[in-house]
Amino acid sequence: MNVPIYQQALGADFSRLQPELQEYFSLVPGSGRYGVGEGTFDVVGCRQEWLRPLLRLTSGEEAFFPEYGENIPFRIENHAHQDPFGRSSLTARREIRFPGRTRIFQDTTSATLRNGAPQLVDYVGRYRRLVTDLNLSVTAEGRLRGVSEASRLLLGPLRIPLPAALDAKAYAEQWWDPAEGPAGKHRIQVKVIQPQIGLVLVYAGSFDYRLRPYTGGSSAHSFLPRYAQPDRWENRV
């Protein structure tokens, strides 16, 4: 059965999400469509100036970036597909349009089984060298909350679990705001916090979202546009 990966992970709680969020997270492989969101981040990037030179060294990973700005336009594409290892997955590609420079932030979330239960793992960056477990929950208002936990670095043949003292956790919340604009908008807020450093990355804003058909109408379960594919796939968890 072709069940959206967020529904697999949330189970019965998926029906408690706001209807607009259920639609947002309902893409499945083979649907022949992808999601496009366009909007504005009220804030986005690294607020700590001393940390930005370090993030500049890793900006080629397309996972973190050194810029910080307010009222920054962005675009996100969501593509549901099977990854090369047969797992149902959702790849997100974000374009963050800072003045004079566009940054790409990409990841693939895949559904796996752990102790017989569905579990989502997130592979971050163009080389998918960082992988984290996603812990999802639904608030009383129907918002989706997610926390990234237990990160691992995948460096060649090495799989290096990050100790809690070094691991940065991402705290995300997404919801539908009917009062935002004339027809309502999606809202998202994400904070990445490292215990020794504090706030590493933040982004929060609103966007419109719609589904579009793929050019050529491709409905293959494994289809993912070339520009949205990472430089390297990874199946280790």
C-alpha atoms as a PDB file:
ATOM      1  CA  MET A   1       0.000   0.000   0.000  1.00  0.00           C
ATOM      2  CA  ASN A   2       1.364   3.416  -1.044  1.00  0.00           C
ATOM      3  CA  VAL A   3       0.993   5.361   2.228  1.00  0.00           C
ATOM      4  CA  PRO A   4       2.647   8.781   2.711  1.00  0.00           C
ATOM      5  CA  ILE A   5       5.730   8.437   4.879  1.00  0.00           C
ATOM      6  CA  TYR A   6       4.526  10.959   7.481  1.00  0.00           C
ATOM      7  CA  GLN A   7       1.287   9.022   7.808  1.00  0.00           C
ATOM      8  CA  GLN A   8       3.308   5.825   8.262  1.00  0.00           C
ATOM      9  CA  ALA A   9       5.282   7.418  11.095  1.00  0.00           C
ATOM     10  CA  LEU A  10       2.342   9.139  12.823  1.00  0.00           C
ATOM     11  CA  GLY A  11      -0.198   6.362  12.413  1.00  0.00           C
ATOM     12  CA  ALA A  12      -3.640   7.342  13.705  1.00  0.00           C
ATOM     13  CA  ASP A  13      -2.300  10.734  14.833  1.00  0.00           C
ATOM     14  CA  PHE A  14      -1.986  11.768  11.177  1.00  0.00           C
ATOM     15  CA  SER A  15      -5.760  12.406  11.128  1.00  0.00           C
ATOM     16  CA  ARG A  16      -5.318  14.922  13.970  1.00  0.00           C
ATOM     17  CA  LEU A  17      -3.233  17.224  11.765  1.00  0.00           C
ATOM     18  CA  GLN A  18      -4.917  20.279  10.313  1.00  0.00           C
ATOM     19  CA  PRO A  19      -6.514  19.308   6.959  1.00  0.00           C
ATOM     20  CA  GLU A  20      -4.104  21.589   5.084  1.00  0.00           C
ATOM     21  CA  LEU A  21      -1.152  19.820   6.708  1.00  0.00           C
ATOM     22  CA  GLN A  22      -2.581  16.408   5.863  1.00  0.00           C
ATOM     23  CA  GLU A  23      -2.706  17.520   2.230  1.00  0.00           C
ATOM     24  CA  TYR A  24       0.839  18.910   2.399  1.00  0.00           C
ATOM     25  CA  PHE A  25       2.275  15.658   3.748  1.00  0.00           C
ATOM     26  CA  SER A  26       0.235  13.313   1.525  1.00  0.00           C
ATOM     27  CA  LEU A  27       2.532  13.110  -1.519  1.00  0.00           C
ATOM     28  CA  VAL A  28       3.342   9.511  -2.482  1.00  0.00           C
ATOM     29  CA  PRO A  29       5.714   7.976  -5.030  1.00  0.00           C
ATOM     30  CA  GLY A  30       4.160   7.514  -8.450  1.00  0.00           C
ATOM     31  CA  SER A  31       1.550  10.267  -8.095  1.00  0.00           C
ATOM     32  CA  GLY A  32       2.971  12.160 -11.099  1.00  0.00           C
ATOM     33  CA  ARG A  33       2.978  15.384  -9.066  1.00  0.00           C
ATOM     34  CA  TYR A  34       5.330  17.368  -6.850  1.00  0.00           C
ATOM     35  CA  GLY A  35       4.778  20.176  -4.373  1.00  0.00           C
ATOM     36  CA  VAL A  36       5.958  23.774  -4.773  1.00  0.00           C
ATOM     37  CA  GLY A  37       5.978  26.321  -1.979  1.00  0.00           C
ATOM     38  CA  GLU A  38       6.923  29.992  -2.352  1.00  0.00           C
ATOM     39  CA  GLY A  39       7.031  32.552   0.394  1.00  0.00           C
ATOM     40  CA  THR A  40       9.165  34.652   2.711  1.00  0.00           C
ATOM     41  CA  PHE A  41      11.280  33.842   5.721  1.00  0.00           C
ATOM     42  CA  ASP A  42      10.797  36.452   8.437  1.00  0.00           C
ATOM     43  CA  VAL A  43      14.230  35.378   9.694  1.00  0.00           C
ATOM     44  CA  VAL A  44      16.672  32.848   8.247  1.00  0.00           C
ATOM     45  CA  GLY A  45      20.277  31.854   8.848  1.00  0.00           C
ATOM     46  CA  CYS A  46      22.923  32.109  11.539  1.00  0.00           C
ATOM     47  CA  ARG A  47      22.544  34.967  13.994  1.00  0.00           C
ATOM     48  CA  GLN A  48      25.938  34.452  15.641  1.00  0.00           C
ATOM     49  CA  GLU A  49      28.520  36.389  13.643  1.00  0.00           C
ATOM     50  CA  TRP A  50      31.501  34.551  15.141  1.00  0.00           C
ATOM     51  CA  LEU A  51      30.095  31.231  13.910  1.00  0.00           C
ATOM     52  CA  ARG A  52      29.544  32.276  10.295  1.00  0.00           C
ATOM     53  CA  PRO A  53      33.146  31.730   9.084  1.00  0.00           C
ATOM     54  CA  LEU A  54      32.903  28.100  10.282  1.00  0.00           C
ATOM     55  CA  LEU A  55      29.609  27.601   8.466  1.00  0.00           C
ATOM     56  CA  ARG A  56      31.141  29.094   5.327  1.00  0.00           C
ATOM     57  CA  LEU A  57      33.581  26.162   5.298  1.00  0.00           C
ATOM     58  CA  THR A  58      30.668  23.696   5.119  1.00  0.00           C
ATOM     59  CA  SER A  59      28.373  25.667   2.795  1.00  0.00           C
ATOM     60  CA  GLY A  60      29.227  23.381  -0.137  1.00  0.00           C
ATOM     61  CA  GLU A  61      27.384  20.584   1.659  1.00  0.00           C
ATOM     62  CA  GLU A  62      24.097  22.441   0.979  1.00  0.00           C
ATOM     63  CA  ALA A  63      22.989  21.815   4.552  1.00  0.00           C
ATOM     64  CA  PHE A  64      24.210  24.871   6.495  1.00  0.00           C
ATOM     65  CA  PHE A  65      25.100  28.368   5.327  1.00  0.00           C
ATOM     66  CA  PRO A  66      26.737  31.451   6.874  1.00  0.00           C
ATOM     67  CA  GLU A  67      24.279  34.162   5.817  1.00  0.00           C
ATOM     68  CA  TYR A  68      21.582  35.716   7.979  1.00  0.00           C
ATOM     69  CA  GLY A  69      18.696  37.867   6.813  1.00  0.00           C
ATOM     70  CA  GLU A  70      15.155  39.045   7.393  1.00  0.00           C
ATOM     71  CA  ASN A  71      12.276  39.079   4.907  1.00  0.00           C
ATOM     72  CA  ILE A  72      14.124  36.699   2.581  1.00  0.00           C
ATOM     73  CA  PRO A  73      12.159  35.070  -0.286  1.00  0.00           C
ATOM     74  CA  PHE A  74      12.418  31.318  -0.669  1.00  0.00           C
ATOM     75  CA  ARG A  75      11.100  28.405  -2.712  1.00  0.00           C
ATOM     76  CA  ILE A  76      10.717  24.770  -1.667  1.00  0.00           C
ATOM     77  CA  GLU A  77      10.022  21.723  -3.819  1.00  0.00           C
ATOM     78  CA  ASN A  78       8.828  18.411  -2.345  1.00  0.00           C
ATOM     79  CA  HIS A  79       9.306  15.229  -4.380  1.00  0.00           C
ATOM     80  CA  ALA A  80       7.923  11.868  -3.247  1.00  0.00           C
ATOM     81  CA  HIS A  81       9.797   8.892  -4.693  1.00  0.00           C
ATOM     82  CA  GLN A  82      11.404   5.570  -3.925  1.00  0.00           C
ATOM     83  CA  ASP A  83      15.112   5.942  -3.249  1.00  0.00           C
ATOM     84  CA  PRO A  84      17.619   3.641  -5.011  1.00  0.00           C
ATOM     85  CA  PHE A  85      17.244   1.156  -2.125  1.00  0.00           C
ATOM     86  CA  GLY A  86      13.467   0.842  -2.490  1.00  0.00           C
ATOM     87  CA  ARG A  87      12.487   2.986   0.486  1.00  0.00           C
ATOM     88  CA  SER A  88       9.556   5.381   0.230  1.00  0.00           C
ATOM     89  CA  SER A  89      11.106   8.850   0.526  1.00  0.00           C
ATOM     90  CA  LEU A  90      10.458  12.575   0.338  1.00  0.00           C
ATOM     91  CA  THR A  91      13.187  14.836  -1.028  1.00  0.00           C
ATOM     92  CA  ALA A  92      12.961  18.553  -0.254  1.00  0.00           C
ATOM     93  CA  ARG A  93      14.990  21.163  -2.136  1.00  0.00           C
ATOM     94  CA  ARG A  94      14.955  24.725  -0.805  1.00  0.00           C
ATOM     95  CA  GLU A  95      16.238  27.833  -2.559  1.00  0.00           C
ATOM     96  CA  ILE A  96      16.883  30.674  -0.102  1.00  0.00           C
ATOM     97  CA  ARG A  97      17.353  33.898  -2.020  1.00  0.00           C
ATOM     98  CA  PHE A  98      19.645  36.141   0.001  1.00  0.00           C
ATOM     99  CA  PRO A  99      20.596  39.447  -1.648  1.00  0.00           C
ATOM    100  CA  GLY A 100      23.314  38.646  -4.163  1.00  0.00           C
ATOM    101  CA  ARG A 101      23.368  34.904  -3.406  1.00  0.00           C
ATOM    102  CA  THR A 102      20.974  31.954  -3.490  1.00  0.00           C
ATOM    103  CA  ARG A 103      21.655  29.143  -1.051  1.00  0.00           C
ATOM    104  CA  ILE A 104      20.422  25.571  -1.551  1.00  0.00           C
ATOM    105  CA  PHE A 105      19.365  23.463   1.426  1.00  0.00           C
ATOM    106  CA  GLN A 106      18.351  19.896   0.619  1.00  0.00           C
ATOM    107  CA  ASP A 107      17.517  16.645   2.387  1.00  0.00           C
ATOM    108  CA  THR A 108      15.807  13.296   1.846  1.00  0.00           C
ATOM    109  CA  THR A 109      13.533  11.762   4.471  1.00  0.00           C
ATOM    110  CA  SER A 110      13.098   7.987   4.130  1.00  0.00           C
ATOM    111  CA  ALA A 111      10.824   5.488   5.860  1.00  0.00           C
ATOM    112  CA  THR A 112      12.471   2.514   7.538  1.00  0.00           C
ATOM    113  CA  LEU A 113      11.399  -0.138  10.023  1.00  0.00           C
ATOM    114  CA  ARG A 114      12.883  -0.169  13.502  1.00  0.00           C
ATOM    115  CA  ASN A 115      11.778  -2.845  15.958  1.00  0.00           C
ATOM    116  CA  GLY A 116       8.887  -3.537  13.611  1.00  0.00           C
ATOM    117  CA  ALA A 117       7.592   0.051  13.674  1.00  0.00           C
ATOM    118  CA  PRO A 118       7.901   2.746  10.974  1.00  0.00           C
ATOM    119  CA  GLN A 119      10.689   5.242  11.609  1.00  0.00           C
ATOM    120  CA  LEU A 120      11.706   8.303   9.571  1.00  0.00           C
ATOM    121  CA  VAL A 121      15.383   9.037   9.010  1.00  0.00           C
ATOM    122  CA  ASP A 122      16.585  12.261   7.433  1.00  0.00           C
ATOM    123  CA  TYR A 123      19.669  12.463   5.174  1.00  0.00           C
ATOM    124  CA  VAL A 124      20.931  16.042   5.002  1.00  0.00           C
ATOM    125  CA  GLY A 125      22.996  17.846   2.373  1.00  0.00           C
ATOM    126  CA  ARG A 126      24.065  17.157  -1.203  1.00  0.00           C
ATOM    127  CA  TYR A 127      26.304  14.250  -0.156  1.00  0.00           C
ATOM    128  CA  ARG A 128      23.892  12.908   2.501  1.00  0.00           C
ATOM    129  CA  ARG A 129      26.739  12.684   5.008  1.00  0.00           C
ATOM    130  CA  LEU A 130      24.589  13.588   8.021  1.00  0.00           C
ATOM    131  CA  VAL A 131      21.663  11.381   9.054  1.00  0.00           C
ATOM    132  CA  THR A 132      19.273  11.875  11.953  1.00  0.00           C
ATOM    133  CA  ASP A 133      16.210  10.155  13.370  1.00  0.00           C
ATOM    134  CA  LEU A 134      12.994  12.186  13.289  1.00  0.00           C
ATOM    135  CA  ASN A 135      10.659  12.123  16.283  1.00  0.00           C
ATOM    136  CA  LEU A 136       7.212  13.422  15.234  1.00  0.00           C
ATOM    137  CA  SER A 137       4.171  14.478  17.229  1.00  0.00           C
ATOM    138  CA  VAL A 138       0.899  16.366  16.712  1.00  0.00           C
ATOM    139  CA  THR A 139      -0.104  19.238  18.981  1.00  0.00           C
ATOM    140  CA  ALA A 140      -3.573  19.795  20.395  1.00  0.00           C
ATOM    141  CA  GLU A 141      -4.064  22.475  17.693  1.00  0.00           C
ATOM    142  CA  GLY A 142      -3.190  20.036  14.899  1.00  0.00           C
ATOM    143  CA  ARG A 143       0.309  21.357  14.233  1.00  0.00           C
ATOM    144  CA  LEU A 144       3.169  19.047  13.315  1.00  0.00           C
ATOM    145  CA  ARG A 145       6.200  19.039  15.583  1.00  0.00           C
ATOM    146  CA  GLY A 146       9.450  17.303  14.774  1.00  0.00           C
ATOM    147  CA  VAL A 147      12.720  16.855  16.628  1.00  0.00           C
ATOM    148  CA  SER A 148      15.867  15.473  15.022  1.00  0.00           C
ATOM    149  CA  GLU A 149      17.628  13.053  17.345  1.00  0.00           C
ATOM    150  CA  ALA A 150      20.695  10.779  17.435  1.00  0.00           C
ATOM    151  CA  SER A 151      22.709  12.216  14.533  1.00  0.00           C
ATOM    152  CA  ARG A 152      25.396  10.214  12.749  1.00  0.00           C
ATOM    153  CA  LEU A 153      28.149  11.281  10.354  1.00  0.00           C
ATOM    154  CA  LEU A 154      28.757   8.958   7.404  1.00  0.00           C
ATOM    155  CA  LEU A 155      32.320   9.537   6.219  1.00  0.00           C
ATOM    156  CA  GLY A 156      33.364   6.984   3.634  1.00  0.00           C
ATOM    157  CA  PRO A 157      33.094   3.573   5.316  1.00  0.00           C
ATOM    158  CA  LEU A 158      32.848   5.179   8.769  1.00  0.00           C
ATOM    159  CA  ARG A 159      29.583   5.628  10.639  1.00  0.00           C
ATOM    160  CA  ILE A 160      30.224   7.997  13.542  1.00  0.00           C
ATOM    161  CA  PRO A 161      27.440   8.560  16.105  1.00  0.00           C
ATOM    162  CA  LEU A 162      27.660  12.064  17.520  1.00  0.00           C
ATOM    163  CA  PRO A 163      27.727  12.199  21.344  1.00  0.00           C
ATOM    164  CA  ALA A 164      24.971  14.208  22.984  1.00  0.00           C
ATOM    165  CA  ALA A 165      27.445  16.941  23.984  1.00  0.00           C
ATOM    166  CA  LEU A 166      28.291  17.584  20.310  1.00  0.00           C
ATOM    167  CA  ASP A 167      25.036  16.771  18.556  1.00  0.00           C
ATOM    168  CA  ALA A 168      22.904  19.633  17.242  1.00  0.00           C
ATOM    169  CA  LYS A 169      19.159  19.054  17.370  1.00  0.00           C
ATOM    170  CA  ALA A 170      16.602  20.614  15.037  1.00  0.00           C
ATOM    171  CA  TYR A 171      13.243  21.599  16.516  1.00  0.00           C
ATOM    172  CA  ALA A 172      10.581  22.167  13.860  1.00  0.00           C
ATOM    173  CA  GLU A 173       6.934  23.145  13.896  1.00  0.00           C
ATOM    174  CA  GLN A 174       4.660  23.539  10.882  1.00  0.00           C
ATOM    175  CA  TRP A 175       1.046  24.651  10.745  1.00  0.00           C
ATOM    176  CA  TRP A 176      -1.672  26.293   8.671  1.00  0.00           C
ATOM    177  CA  ASP A 177      -2.549  29.881   9.569  1.00  0.00           C
ATOM    178  CA  PRO A 178      -5.970  30.833   8.150  1.00  0.00           C
ATOM    179  CA  ALA A 179      -5.431  34.447   9.250  1.00  0.00           C
ATOM    180  CA  GLU A 180      -2.215  34.836   7.222  1.00  0.00           C
ATOM    181  CA  GLY A 181      -3.143  36.710   4.046  1.00  0.00           C
ATOM    182  CA  PRO A 182      -6.534  36.701   2.302  1.00  0.00           C
ATOM    183  CA  ALA A 183      -6.640  32.911   1.838  1.00  0.00           C
ATOM    184  CA  GLY A 184      -4.329  31.656   4.611  1.00  0.00           C
ATOM    185  CA  LYS A 185      -0.761  30.340   4.392  1.00  0.00           C
ATOM    186  CA  HIS A 186       1.467  27.578   5.641  1.00  0.00           C
ATOM    187  CA  ARG A 187       3.861  28.584   8.407  1.00  0.00           C
ATOM    188  CA  ILE A 188       7.075  26.922   9.517  1.00  0.00           C
ATOM    189  CA  GLN A 189       9.571  27.532  12.295  1.00  0.00           C
ATOM    190  CA  VAL A 190      12.855  25.640  12.728  1.00  0.00           C
ATOM    191  CA  LYS A 191      15.666  26.093  15.247  1.00  0.00           C
ATOM    192  CA  VAL A 192      18.924  24.124  15.231  1.00  0.00           C
ATOM    193  CA  ILE A 193      20.528  24.171  18.672  1.00  0.00           C
ATOM    194  CA  GLN A 194      23.905  22.780  19.727  1.00  0.00           C
ATOM    195  CA  PRO A 195      24.403  22.353  23.500  1.00  0.00           C
ATOM    196  CA  GLN A 196      27.855  23.994  23.614  1.00  0.00           C
ATOM    197  CA  ILE A 197      27.188  26.751  21.083  1.00  0.00           C
ATOM    198  CA  GLY A 198      23.505  27.535  21.344  1.00  0.00           C
ATOM    199  CA  LEU A 199      21.437  28.570  18.339  1.00  0.00           C
ATOM    200  CA  VAL A 200      23.235  27.532  15.134  1.00  0.00           C
ATOM    201  CA  LEU A 201      20.507  28.084  12.547  1.00  0.00           C
ATOM    202  CA  VAL A 202      16.985  29.462  12.514  1.00  0.00           C
ATOM    203  CA  TYR A 203      14.336  29.937   9.884  1.00  0.00           C
ATOM    204  CA  ALA A 204      10.727  30.978  10.260  1.00  0.00           C
ATOM    205  CA  GLY A 205       8.215  32.249   7.733  1.00  0.00           C
ATOM    206  CA  SER A 206       5.118  31.640   5.663  1.00  0.00           C
ATOM    207  CA  PHE A 207       4.430  30.335   2.178  1.00  0.00           C
ATOM    208  CA  ASP A 208       1.814  29.340  -0.376  1.00  0.00           C
ATOM    209  CA  TYR A 209       1.805  25.734  -1.558  1.00  0.00           C
ATOM    210  CA  ARG A 210       0.443  23.906  -4.581  1.00  0.00           C
ATOM    211  CA  LEU A 211       0.869  20.653  -6.476  1.00  0.00           C
ATOM    212  CA  ARG A 212       2.141  20.548 -10.047  1.00  0.00           C
ATOM    213  CA  PRO A 213       2.342  17.714 -12.594  1.00  0.00           C
ATOM    214  CA  TYR A 214       5.757  16.556 -13.702  1.00  0.00           C
ATOM    215  CA  THR A 215       6.782  17.547 -17.204  1.00  0.00           C
ATOM    216  CA  GLY A 216       6.022  14.544 -19.375  1.00  0.00           C
ATOM    217  CA  GLY A 217       3.649  13.185 -16.754  1.00  0.00           C
ATOM    218  CA  SER A 218       6.131  10.717 -15.275  1.00  0.00           C
ATOM    219  CA  SER A 219       4.490   8.465 -12.673  1.00  0.00           C
ATOM    220  CA  ALA A 220       7.360   6.025 -12.057  1.00  0.00           C
ATOM    221  CA  HIS A 221       7.753   5.357  -8.336  1.00  0.00           C
ATOM    222  CA  SER A 222      11.503   5.993  -8.539  1.00  0.00           C
ATOM    223  CA  PHE A 223      11.269   9.212 -10.560  1.00  0.00           C
ATOM    224  CA  LEU A 224      13.106  12.234  -9.151  1.00  0.00           C
ATOM    225  CA  PRO A 225      14.176  15.161 -11.368  1.00  0.00           C
ATOM    226  CA  ARG A 226      17.917  15.247 -11.946  1.00  0.00           C
ATOM    227  CA  TYR A 227      18.324  18.702 -10.390  1.00  0.00           C
ATOM    228  CA  ALA A 228      16.742  17.432  -7.152  1.00  0.00           C
ATOM    229  CA  GLN A 229      18.981  14.365  -6.844  1.00  0.00           C
ATOM    230  CA  PRO A 230      21.882  14.382  -4.368  1.00  0.00           C
ATOM    231  CA  ASP A 231      25.467  13.856  -5.452  1.00  0.00           C
ATOM    232  CA  ARG A 232      25.495  10.643  -3.410  1.00  0.00           C
ATOM    233  CA  TRP A 233      22.809   8.329  -2.039  1.00  0.00           C
ATOM    234  CA  GLU A 234      23.135   6.617   1.314  1.00  0.00           C
ATOM    235  CA  ASN A 235      21.262   3.639   2.762  1.00  0.00           C
ATOM    236  CA  ARG A 236      22.966   3.327   6.155  1.00  0.00           C
ATOM    237  CA  VAL A 237      20.909   4.455   9.129  1.00  0.00           C
END
